[in-house]
Amino acid sequence: MGGGLFHRAIRAEKAAVLAEVLKYMVALSPAGLERGIYEKALALGVAVYDASYIVLAEGYGLTPVTEEERLRSRAQGIVEVKSLRELVG
């Protein structure tokens, strides 16, 4: 198998794994958590948008997935955050 063909096959396999993972995604509302989200954003020095993921993950016992190293670093010790690469190998 040529190098290019091999890499396309690996990408297709990872895309299939991601498609399977996405079937389990659930949309959660941050309604009612605004104060906690704002306080978490200030405490961690992240955007309110990013803090909402941390607060929701913390409250529901979930693992957020992001490619943002800064967010993964800031959430350390609060929730386990993974990158897509960690998730699909």
C-alpha atoms as a PDB file:
ATOM      1  CA  MET A   1       0.000   0.000   0.000  1.00  0.00           C
ATOM      2  CA  GLY A   2       1.508   3.357  -1.004  1.00  0.00           C
ATOM      3  CA  GLY A   3       2.156   6.013   1.642  1.00  0.00           C
ATOM      4  CA  GLY A   4      -0.640   8.294   0.429  1.00  0.00           C
ATOM      5  CA  LEU A   5      -3.134   5.464   0.214  1.00  0.00           C
ATOM      6  CA  PHE A   6      -2.144   4.253   3.678  1.00  0.00           C
ATOM      7  CA  HIS A   7      -2.665   7.716   5.188  1.00  0.00           C
ATOM      8  CA  ARG A   8      -6.057   8.074   3.476  1.00  0.00           C
ATOM      9  CA  ALA A   9      -7.088   4.685   4.885  1.00  0.00           C
ATOM     10  CA  ILE A  10      -6.027   5.737   8.403  1.00  0.00           C
ATOM     11  CA  ARG A  11      -7.928   9.043   8.075  1.00  0.00           C
ATOM     12  CA  ALA A  12     -11.025   7.181   6.907  1.00  0.00           C
ATOM     13  CA  GLU A  13     -10.763   4.814   9.867  1.00  0.00           C
ATOM     14  CA  LYS A  14     -10.432   7.723  12.317  1.00  0.00           C
ATOM     15  CA  ALA A  15     -13.356   9.501  10.670  1.00  0.00           C
ATOM     16  CA  ALA A  16     -15.452   6.365  11.174  1.00  0.00           C
ATOM     17  CA  VAL A  17     -14.499   6.268  14.861  1.00  0.00           C
ATOM     18  CA  LEU A  18     -15.380   9.948  15.214  1.00  0.00           C
ATOM     19  CA  ALA A  19     -18.746   9.363  13.522  1.00  0.00           C
ATOM     20  CA  GLU A  20     -19.454   6.649  16.081  1.00  0.00           C
ATOM     21  CA  VAL A  21     -18.498   8.936  18.979  1.00  0.00           C
ATOM     22  CA  LEU A  22     -20.680  11.754  17.665  1.00  0.00           C
ATOM     23  CA  LYS A  23     -23.738   9.504  17.901  1.00  0.00           C
ATOM     24  CA  TYR A  24     -23.453   9.785  21.680  1.00  0.00           C
ATOM     25  CA  MET A  25     -23.155  13.566  21.891  1.00  0.00           C
ATOM     26  CA  VAL A  26     -25.870  15.305  23.832  1.00  0.00           C
ATOM     27  CA  ALA A  27     -26.650  19.014  23.785  1.00  0.00           C
ATOM     28  CA  LEU A  28     -26.824  20.447  27.297  1.00  0.00           C
ATOM     29  CA  SER A  29     -28.196  23.835  28.252  1.00  0.00           C
ATOM     30  CA  PRO A  30     -26.228  26.098  30.580  1.00  0.00           C
ATOM     31  CA  ALA A  31     -29.481  27.846  31.614  1.00  0.00           C
ATOM     32  CA  GLY A  32     -29.487  28.448  35.355  1.00  0.00           C
ATOM     33  CA  LEU A  33     -25.706  28.058  35.617  1.00  0.00           C
ATOM     34  CA  GLU A  34     -24.790  31.558  34.472  1.00  0.00           C
ATOM     35  CA  ARG A  35     -23.332  32.734  37.779  1.00  0.00           C
ATOM     36  CA  GLY A  36     -21.186  29.631  38.202  1.00  0.00           C
ATOM     37  CA  ILE A  37     -20.012  29.879  34.608  1.00  0.00           C
ATOM     38  CA  TYR A  38     -19.079  33.538  35.025  1.00  0.00           C
ATOM     39  CA  GLU A  39     -17.228  32.840  38.271  1.00  0.00           C
ATOM     40  CA  LYS A  40     -15.393  29.890  36.709  1.00  0.00           C
ATOM     41  CA  ALA A  41     -14.378  32.062  33.745  1.00  0.00           C
ATOM     42  CA  LEU A  42     -12.930  34.683  36.071  1.00  0.00           C
ATOM     43  CA  ALA A  43     -11.194  32.119  38.286  1.00  0.00           C
ATOM     44  CA  LEU A  44      -9.585  30.261  35.380  1.00  0.00           C
ATOM     45  CA  GLY A  45      -8.973  33.214  33.087  1.00  0.00           C
ATOM     46  CA  VAL A  46     -10.918  31.668  30.220  1.00  0.00           C
ATOM     47  CA  ALA A  47     -13.789  32.901  28.062  1.00  0.00           C
ATOM     48  CA  VAL A  48     -17.306  32.470  29.419  1.00  0.00           C
ATOM     49  CA  TYR A  49     -17.978  30.196  26.457  1.00  0.00           C
ATOM     50  CA  ASP A  50     -15.105  27.890  27.505  1.00  0.00           C
ATOM     51  CA  ALA A  51     -16.100  28.051  31.167  1.00  0.00           C
ATOM     52  CA  SER A  52     -19.581  26.830  30.232  1.00  0.00           C
ATOM     53  CA  TYR A  53     -18.063  23.590  28.933  1.00  0.00           C
ATOM     54  CA  ILE A  54     -16.108  23.114  32.143  1.00  0.00           C
ATOM     55  CA  VAL A  55     -19.100  23.818  34.390  1.00  0.00           C
ATOM     56  CA  LEU A  56     -21.399  21.519  32.409  1.00  0.00           C
ATOM     57  CA  ALA A  57     -18.796  18.743  32.310  1.00  0.00           C
ATOM     58  CA  GLU A  58     -18.195  19.105  36.029  1.00  0.00           C
ATOM     59  CA  GLY A  59     -21.914  19.031  36.833  1.00  0.00           C
ATOM     60  CA  TYR A  60     -22.721  16.060  34.620  1.00  0.00           C
ATOM     61  CA  GLY A  61     -19.495  14.102  35.109  1.00  0.00           C
ATOM     62  CA  LEU A  62     -18.552  14.397  31.435  1.00  0.00           C
ATOM     63  CA  THR A  63     -15.263  14.609  29.554  1.00  0.00           C
ATOM     64  CA  PRO A  64     -15.083  17.613  27.227  1.00  0.00           C
ATOM     65  CA  VAL A  65     -13.128  17.245  23.981  1.00  0.00           C
ATOM     66  CA  THR A  66     -11.168  20.214  22.619  1.00  0.00           C
ATOM     67  CA  GLU A  67      -8.028  20.962  20.660  1.00  0.00           C
ATOM     68  CA  GLU A  68      -7.394  24.068  22.743  1.00  0.00           C
ATOM     69  CA  GLU A  69      -4.342  23.289  24.872  1.00  0.00           C
ATOM     70  CA  ARG A  70      -4.941  26.367  27.026  1.00  0.00           C
ATOM     71  CA  LEU A  71      -8.439  25.198  27.947  1.00  0.00           C
ATOM     72  CA  ARG A  72      -7.225  21.663  28.692  1.00  0.00           C
ATOM     73  CA  SER A  73      -4.508  23.129  30.901  1.00  0.00           C
ATOM     74  CA  ARG A  74      -6.858  25.483  32.769  1.00  0.00           C
ATOM     75  CA  ALA A  75      -9.445  22.728  33.365  1.00  0.00           C
ATOM     76  CA  GLN A  76      -6.844  20.383  34.843  1.00  0.00           C
ATOM     77  CA  GLY A  77      -7.886  19.219  38.288  1.00  0.00           C
ATOM     78  CA  ILE A  78     -11.522  20.184  37.669  1.00  0.00           C
ATOM     79  CA  VAL A  79     -12.508  17.830  34.856  1.00  0.00           C
ATOM     80  CA  GLU A  80     -10.638  15.465  32.582  1.00  0.00           C
ATOM     81  CA  VAL A  81     -10.388  17.095  29.160  1.00  0.00           C
ATOM     82  CA  LYS A  82      -9.243  15.188  26.084  1.00  0.00           C
ATOM     83  CA  SER A  83      -8.152  16.150  22.625  1.00  0.00           C
ATOM     84  CA  LEU A  84      -9.742  14.556  19.601  1.00  0.00           C
ATOM     85  CA  ARG A  85      -6.447  12.813  18.942  1.00  0.00           C
ATOM     86  CA  GLU A  86      -6.556  11.234  22.421  1.00  0.00           C
ATOM     87  CA  LEU A  87     -10.114  10.154  21.819  1.00  0.00           C
ATOM     88  CA  VAL A  88      -9.675   8.462  18.465  1.00  0.00           C
ATOM     89  CA  GLY A  89      -6.029   7.455  18.767  1.00  0.00           C
END
